[in-house]
């Protein structure tokens, strides 16, 4: 399985008729650790991985990807790996570029069919080349959809760096608003502001696609440091940079302050503590969340009563059976 497929599995593939909108970016939970591990580039890393993951949701074809690559070969814009492949094809005589027309017809229409046929004939069986072609085209599409300019090589460097540091298998994905991430990337946030972002991201990783979630402060704190479960947290905190921040913000007062400020700053729409659990939502207001809690508690109570009654019913059946057996013996 390719690197690109591993990251894009969570998003799935969209049909060509679906035009994705990217109000949010999606990236694997462990990357939240980069905010303190790499203070200068942490948010840039999250943005880069978010773009890379989003690119995985685009549908591409060999024809469209190759046509894009040939255009960029003539006009500029290929990433380093594809440029290397094209230079090698030219050097070995596999591909003889037409530098006079550069893929354009006399009607100024870009139609490099001859170039594409030659390349596919010689390179179509090269899996690595075809994979790089697909990744390049998807990232080019992501540039248009995000309406931002970024260097494709820098995105791939971020991916390579992160894959060398983390194991993304079976990890929750974090979905955060692009505008919030972009704002953090533009300026130099304080430690407290970074913790607010991590609180928001950690809660989002718990809620997922649901309207609200029931959790605990301990789990929220765990997710804030890029760890999926509390039993894995100590291993994460072997990093001194993370341990220092954790020791300060793991205090109950500090966590309560973070949670209250997340609501006040509209990162989170509501939070309610009930029965040693914390209910959080990024969609429901306090009235709506309280109504959902009441409904959930009632349903659990009913389910518990049903389960209890079934146990009682079974016990009474056994009692009747024992009594009748004694009467007939």
Protein backbone atom coordinates (compact mmCIF):
# COMPACT_ATOMS: atom_id res chain seq x y z
CA UNK A 1 0.00 0.00 0.00
CA UNK A 2 1.40 3.43 -0.94
CA UNK A 3 2.03 6.31 1.40
CA UNK A 4 -0.67 8.30 -0.33
CA UNK A 5 -3.27 5.53 0.00
CA UNK A 6 -2.52 5.09 3.70
CA UNK A 7 -3.31 8.71 4.41
CA UNK A 8 -6.28 9.05 2.07
CA UNK A 9 -8.17 5.96 3.23
CA UNK A 10 -9.95 7.99 5.88
CA UNK A 11 -11.39 10.41 3.33
CA UNK A 12 -12.47 7.87 0.72
CA UNK A 13 -12.78 8.61 -2.99
CA UNK A 14 -15.22 11.13 -4.39
CA UNK A 15 -16.97 10.71 -7.70
CA UNK A 16 -16.07 13.25 -10.42
CA UNK A 17 -19.51 14.84 -9.99
CA UNK A 18 -18.77 15.74 -6.38
CA UNK A 19 -16.85 18.96 -5.93
CA UNK A 20 -15.32 18.85 -2.44
CA UNK A 21 -15.25 21.98 -0.32
CA UNK A 22 -12.44 22.34 2.14
CA UNK A 23 -13.62 24.44 5.03
CA UNK A 24 -11.80 21.90 7.19
CA UNK A 25 -8.45 20.13 6.97
CA UNK A 26 -7.91 16.58 8.13
CA UNK A 27 -4.73 15.06 9.55
CA UNK A 28 -3.71 12.16 11.84
CA UNK A 29 -3.93 12.77 15.60
CA UNK A 30 -0.22 12.16 16.50
CA UNK A 31 0.79 15.23 14.47
CA UNK A 32 -0.55 17.48 17.25
CA UNK A 33 2.70 16.71 19.04
CA UNK A 34 4.51 18.77 16.39
CA UNK A 35 3.07 21.98 17.84
CA UNK A 36 5.56 21.77 20.73
CA UNK A 37 8.15 19.43 19.24
CA UNK A 38 8.79 21.80 16.34
CA UNK A 39 7.61 25.29 17.45
CA UNK A 40 8.78 27.00 14.25
CA UNK A 41 7.07 24.65 11.80
CA UNK A 42 4.44 22.74 13.79
CA UNK A 43 1.38 24.46 12.32
CA UNK A 44 2.92 24.42 8.85
CA UNK A 45 3.25 20.65 9.22
CA UNK A 46 -0.43 20.31 10.16
CA UNK A 47 -1.43 22.43 7.17
CA UNK A 48 0.80 20.46 4.80
CA UNK A 49 -0.53 17.11 5.96
CA UNK A 50 -4.06 18.47 5.78
CA UNK A 51 -3.55 19.42 2.14
CA UNK A 52 -1.94 16.05 1.40
CA UNK A 53 -4.82 14.14 2.99
CA UNK A 54 -7.38 16.25 1.13
CA UNK A 55 -5.61 15.57 -2.15
CA UNK A 56 -6.27 11.88 -1.59
CA UNK A 57 -10.00 12.49 -2.00
CA UNK A 58 -9.64 13.66 -5.61
CA UNK A 59 -10.33 11.30 -8.46
CA UNK A 60 -7.68 11.27 -11.17
CA UNK A 61 -7.08 9.37 -14.39
CA UNK A 62 -3.82 8.39 -16.06
CA UNK A 63 -4.68 10.57 -19.04
CA UNK A 64 -5.42 13.73 -17.05
CA UNK A 65 -2.44 13.22 -14.72
CA UNK A 66 0.00 12.66 -17.57
CA UNK A 67 -1.36 15.58 -19.56
CA UNK A 68 -0.83 17.84 -16.54
CA UNK A 69 2.72 16.53 -16.08
CA UNK A 70 3.66 17.05 -19.76
CA UNK A 71 2.31 20.61 -19.61
CA UNK A 72 4.40 21.33 -16.51
CA UNK A 73 7.45 19.76 -18.14
CA UNK A 74 7.25 22.26 -20.98
CA UNK A 75 6.05 25.28 -19.01
CA UNK A 76 7.60 24.62 -15.61
CA UNK A 77 6.12 23.42 -12.34
CA UNK A 78 7.09 19.75 -12.07
CA UNK A 79 8.13 18.52 -8.66
CA UNK A 80 11.65 17.16 -8.22
CA UNK A 81 10.80 13.46 -8.51
CA UNK A 82 8.80 13.81 -11.74
CA UNK A 83 11.37 16.21 -13.17
CA UNK A 84 13.98 13.53 -12.54
CA UNK A 85 11.89 10.94 -14.41
CA UNK A 86 11.35 13.26 -17.40
CA UNK A 87 15.04 14.24 -17.54
CA UNK A 88 15.96 10.55 -17.47
CA UNK A 89 13.49 9.76 -20.29
CA UNK A 90 15.00 12.53 -22.42
CA UNK A 91 18.56 11.41 -21.66
CA UNK A 92 17.80 7.78 -22.58
CA UNK A 93 15.92 8.75 -25.72
CA UNK A 94 12.60 7.40 -24.49
CA UNK A 95 10.99 10.80 -24.84
CA UNK A 96 11.96 13.41 -27.45
CA UNK A 97 10.34 16.71 -26.47
CA UNK A 98 8.95 19.04 -29.13
CA UNK A 99 10.35 22.30 -27.82
CA UNK A 100 9.02 24.24 -30.83
CA UNK A 101 5.32 23.58 -30.25
CA UNK A 102 5.58 22.34 -26.61
CA UNK A 103 2.51 20.17 -26.93
CA UNK A 104 0.32 22.82 -28.54
CA UNK A 105 -1.44 22.52 -31.90
CA UNK A 106 -1.47 25.23 -34.57
CA UNK A 107 -4.78 26.38 -33.05
CA UNK A 108 -3.02 27.01 -29.73
CA UNK A 109 -4.74 24.02 -28.12
CA UNK A 110 -2.70 21.92 -25.71
CA UNK A 111 -2.94 18.39 -27.07
CA UNK A 112 0.23 16.35 -26.35
CA UNK A 113 -1.26 13.01 -27.48
CA UNK A 114 1.92 11.88 -29.25
CA UNK A 115 4.10 12.67 -26.23
CA UNK A 116 1.66 10.89 -23.91
CA UNK A 117 1.46 7.77 -26.06
CA UNK A 118 5.26 7.45 -26.14
CA UNK A 119 5.59 7.96 -22.39
CA UNK A 120 2.83 5.48 -21.55
CA UNK A 121 4.28 2.89 -23.90
CA UNK A 122 7.68 3.06 -22.22
CA UNK A 123 6.75 3.99 -18.63
CA UNK A 124 3.21 2.71 -18.12
CA UNK A 125 4.53 -0.40 -16.39
CA UNK A 126 6.74 1.58 -14.00
CA UNK A 127 4.69 1.57 -10.77
CA UNK A 128 6.78 4.23 -9.00
CA UNK A 129 6.49 6.64 -11.93
CA UNK A 130 2.72 6.13 -12.22
CA UNK A 131 2.32 6.61 -8.47
CA UNK A 132 4.30 9.86 -8.51
CA UNK A 133 2.20 11.00 -11.46
CA UNK A 134 -1.03 10.41 -9.54
CA UNK A 135 0.20 12.16 -6.40
CA UNK A 136 1.43 15.16 -8.38
CA UNK A 137 -1.88 15.59 -10.21
CA UNK A 138 -3.95 15.28 -7.04
CA UNK A 139 -1.83 17.88 -5.28
CA UNK A 140 -2.23 20.21 -8.26
CA UNK A 141 -5.98 19.79 -7.95
CA UNK A 142 -5.75 20.51 -4.23
CA UNK A 143 -3.97 23.78 -5.02
CA UNK A 144 -6.96 24.91 -7.06
CA UNK A 145 -9.53 23.78 -4.50
CA UNK A 146 -7.72 25.34 -1.55
CA UNK A 147 -6.99 28.45 -3.63
CA UNK A 148 -3.55 28.65 -2.09
CA UNK A 149 -0.10 28.46 -3.58
CA UNK A 150 2.24 25.88 -2.14
CA UNK A 151 5.35 24.05 -3.21
CA UNK A 152 4.51 20.42 -3.94
CA UNK A 153 8.02 19.30 -3.03
CA UNK A 154 7.69 20.95 0.39
CA UNK A 155 4.40 19.09 0.99
CA UNK A 156 6.04 15.79 0.13
CA UNK A 157 9.01 16.61 2.38
CA UNK A 158 6.57 17.19 5.25
CA UNK A 159 4.89 13.84 4.56
CA UNK A 160 8.22 11.99 4.44
CA UNK A 161 9.35 13.61 7.70
CA UNK A 162 6.12 12.76 9.52
CA UNK A 163 5.99 9.19 8.27
CA UNK A 164 9.50 8.73 9.60
CA UNK A 165 8.45 9.94 13.05
CA UNK A 166 4.99 8.47 13.56
CA UNK A 167 2.92 5.37 12.99
CA UNK A 168 -0.41 6.54 11.56
CA UNK A 169 -2.07 3.12 11.46
CA UNK A 170 -5.36 2.94 13.41
CA UNK A 171 -5.04 6.54 14.53
CA UNK A 172 -8.00 8.95 14.87
CA UNK A 173 -8.16 11.79 12.38
CA UNK A 174 -8.45 15.41 13.45
CA UNK A 175 -10.67 17.82 11.51
CA UNK A 176 -10.11 21.54 12.17
CA UNK A 177 -11.26 24.67 10.42
CA UNK A 178 -8.84 25.87 7.77
CA UNK A 179 -9.20 29.50 8.81
CA UNK A 180 -8.24 28.71 12.41
CA UNK A 181 -5.19 26.70 11.36
CA UNK A 182 -4.18 29.40 8.87
CA UNK A 183 -4.44 32.08 11.55
CA UNK A 184 -2.16 30.12 13.89
CA UNK A 185 0.28 29.56 11.05
CA UNK A 186 0.45 33.28 10.23
CA UNK A 187 1.46 34.48 13.66
CA UNK A 188 3.58 33.41 16.61
CA UNK A 189 1.09 32.08 19.21
CA UNK A 190 1.87 31.92 22.91
CA UNK A 191 1.98 28.62 24.80
CA UNK A 192 -1.50 29.30 26.15
CA UNK A 193 -2.85 30.01 22.66
CA UNK A 194 -1.28 26.79 21.41
CA UNK A 195 -3.01 24.90 24.22
CA UNK A 196 -6.32 26.41 23.15
CA UNK A 197 -5.76 25.11 19.63
CA UNK A 198 -4.79 21.68 20.94
CA UNK A 199 -7.88 21.65 23.15
CA UNK A 200 -10.05 22.44 20.15
CA UNK A 201 -8.30 19.83 17.98
CA UNK A 202 -8.37 17.20 20.72
CA UNK A 203 -12.11 17.66 21.25
CA UNK A 204 -12.72 17.54 17.51
CA UNK A 205 -10.88 14.21 17.33
CA UNK A 206 -13.24 12.84 19.99
CA UNK A 207 -16.46 14.20 18.46
CA UNK A 208 -15.62 13.17 14.90
CA UNK A 209 -18.71 13.48 12.70
CA UNK A 210 -21.14 13.37 15.62
CA UNK A 211 -23.06 16.35 16.95
CA UNK A 212 -21.65 15.89 20.45
CA UNK A 213 -19.56 13.47 22.47
CA UNK A 214 -19.36 12.31 26.06
CA UNK A 215 -15.83 12.11 27.40
CA UNK A 216 -13.61 13.06 30.33
CA UNK A 217 -11.10 15.81 31.01
CA UNK A 218 -8.40 13.14 31.10
CA UNK A 219 -9.27 11.93 27.61
CA UNK A 220 -9.38 15.48 26.23
CA UNK A 221 -5.94 16.17 27.70
CA UNK A 222 -4.67 12.90 26.25
CA UNK A 223 -5.89 13.84 22.77
CA UNK A 224 -4.41 17.34 23.09
CA UNK A 225 -0.98 15.72 23.18
CA UNK A 226 -1.63 13.62 20.10
CA UNK A 227 -2.29 10.35 21.93
CA UNK A 228 -5.35 8.23 21.22
CA UNK A 229 -5.62 6.51 24.64
CA UNK A 230 -4.43 7.35 28.18
CA UNK A 231 -2.39 4.15 28.42
CA UNK A 232 -0.14 5.43 25.62
CA UNK A 233 0.36 8.89 27.12
CA UNK A 234 3.44 8.16 29.23
CA UNK A 235 5.34 7.02 26.17
CA UNK A 236 4.44 10.28 24.41
CA UNK A 237 5.56 12.32 27.41
CA UNK A 238 9.09 10.92 27.24
CA UNK A 239 9.70 13.97 25.08
CA UNK A 240 10.80 16.67 27.55
CA UNK A 241 9.18 19.47 25.55
CA UNK A 242 5.79 17.80 25.81
CA UNK A 243 6.29 16.77 29.45
CA UNK A 244 7.01 20.35 30.53
CA UNK A 245 3.77 21.69 29.03
CA UNK A 246 1.73 18.68 30.19
CA UNK A 247 2.84 19.04 33.82
CA UNK A 248 1.52 22.58 33.87
CA UNK A 249 -1.75 22.13 32.01
CA UNK A 250 -2.75 18.75 33.44
CA UNK A 251 -3.82 20.46 36.67
CA UNK A 252 -7.60 20.54 37.08
CA UNK A 253 -7.69 24.36 37.32
CA UNK A 254 -5.72 24.80 34.09
CA UNK A 255 -7.86 22.29 32.17
CA UNK A 256 -11.08 23.91 33.36
CA UNK A 257 -9.71 27.28 32.29
CA UNK A 258 -8.87 25.92 28.82
CA UNK A 259 -12.31 24.35 28.39
CA UNK A 260 -14.13 27.50 29.50
CA UNK A 261 -12.06 29.66 27.18
CA UNK A 262 -12.70 27.33 24.24
CA UNK A 263 -16.41 27.99 24.65
CA UNK A 264 -15.94 31.73 25.21
CA UNK A 265 -13.86 32.00 22.02
CA UNK A 266 -16.33 29.85 20.03
CA UNK A 267 -13.89 27.03 19.34
CA UNK A 268 -16.47 24.85 21.06
CA UNK A 269 -20.16 25.74 21.13
CA UNK A 270 -21.05 24.13 24.47
CA UNK A 271 -19.78 21.90 27.27
CA UNK A 272 -21.59 20.40 30.25
CA UNK A 273 -20.35 18.25 33.09
CA UNK A 274 -22.73 15.53 34.28
CA UNK A 275 -22.26 12.35 36.28
CA UNK A 276 -18.45 12.55 36.15
CA UNK A 277 -18.50 12.95 32.39
CA UNK A 278 -17.94 15.95 30.14
CA UNK A 279 -20.33 16.49 27.25
CA UNK A 280 -18.90 18.64 24.44
CA UNK A 281 -20.20 19.90 21.11
CA UNK A 282 -19.00 22.11 18.27
CA UNK A 283 -22.52 22.32 16.78
CA UNK A 284 -25.10 22.37 19.60
CA UNK A 285 -25.75 25.31 21.94
CA UNK A 286 -26.28 24.76 25.66
CA UNK A 287 -30.04 24.25 25.41
CA UNK A 288 -29.66 21.75 22.57
CA UNK A 289 -26.84 19.90 24.32
CA UNK A 290 -28.75 19.65 27.60
CA UNK A 291 -31.78 18.29 25.72
CA UNK A 292 -29.61 15.64 24.08
CA UNK A 293 -28.10 14.69 27.44
CA UNK A 294 -31.56 14.29 28.98
CA UNK A 295 -32.65 12.14 26.04
CA UNK A 296 -29.51 9.99 26.23
CA UNK A 297 -29.78 9.50 30.01
CA UNK A 298 -33.44 8.53 29.71
CA UNK A 299 -32.69 6.06 26.92
CA UNK A 300 -29.90 4.51 28.97
CA UNK A 301 -32.25 4.29 31.94
CA UNK A 302 -34.92 2.58 29.84
CA UNK A 303 -32.38 0.19 28.34
CA UNK A 304 -31.08 -0.60 31.81
CA UNK A 305 -34.63 -1.25 33.04
CA UNK A 306 -35.31 -3.53 30.06
CA UNK A 307 -32.11 -5.46 30.70
CA UNK A 308 -32.93 -5.77 34.41
CA UNK A 309 -36.46 -6.93 33.66
CA UNK A 310 -35.17 -9.58 31.24
CA UNK A 311 -32.90 -10.93 33.96
CA UNK A 312 -35.82 -10.98 36.41
CA UNK A 313 -38.04 -12.66 33.84
CA UNK A 314 -35.47 -15.40 33.29
CA UNK A 315 -35.08 -15.92 37.06
CA UNK A 316 -38.84 -16.22 37.51
CA UNK A 317 -39.08 -18.77 34.69
CA UNK A 318 -36.40 -20.83 36.39
CA UNK A 319 -38.24 -20.51 39.71
CA UNK A 320 -41.51 -21.68 38.14
CA UNK A 321 -39.74 -24.58 36.44
CA UNK A 322 -38.11 -25.69 39.71
CA UNK A 323 -41.38 -25.41 41.61
CA UNK A 324 -43.36 -27.44 39.05
CA UNK A 325 -40.69 -30.13 38.93
CA UNK A 326 -40.87 -30.48 42.71
CA UNK A 327 -44.69 -30.70 42.58
CA UNK A 328 -44.70 -33.51 40.04
CA UNK A 329 -41.96 -35.60 41.69
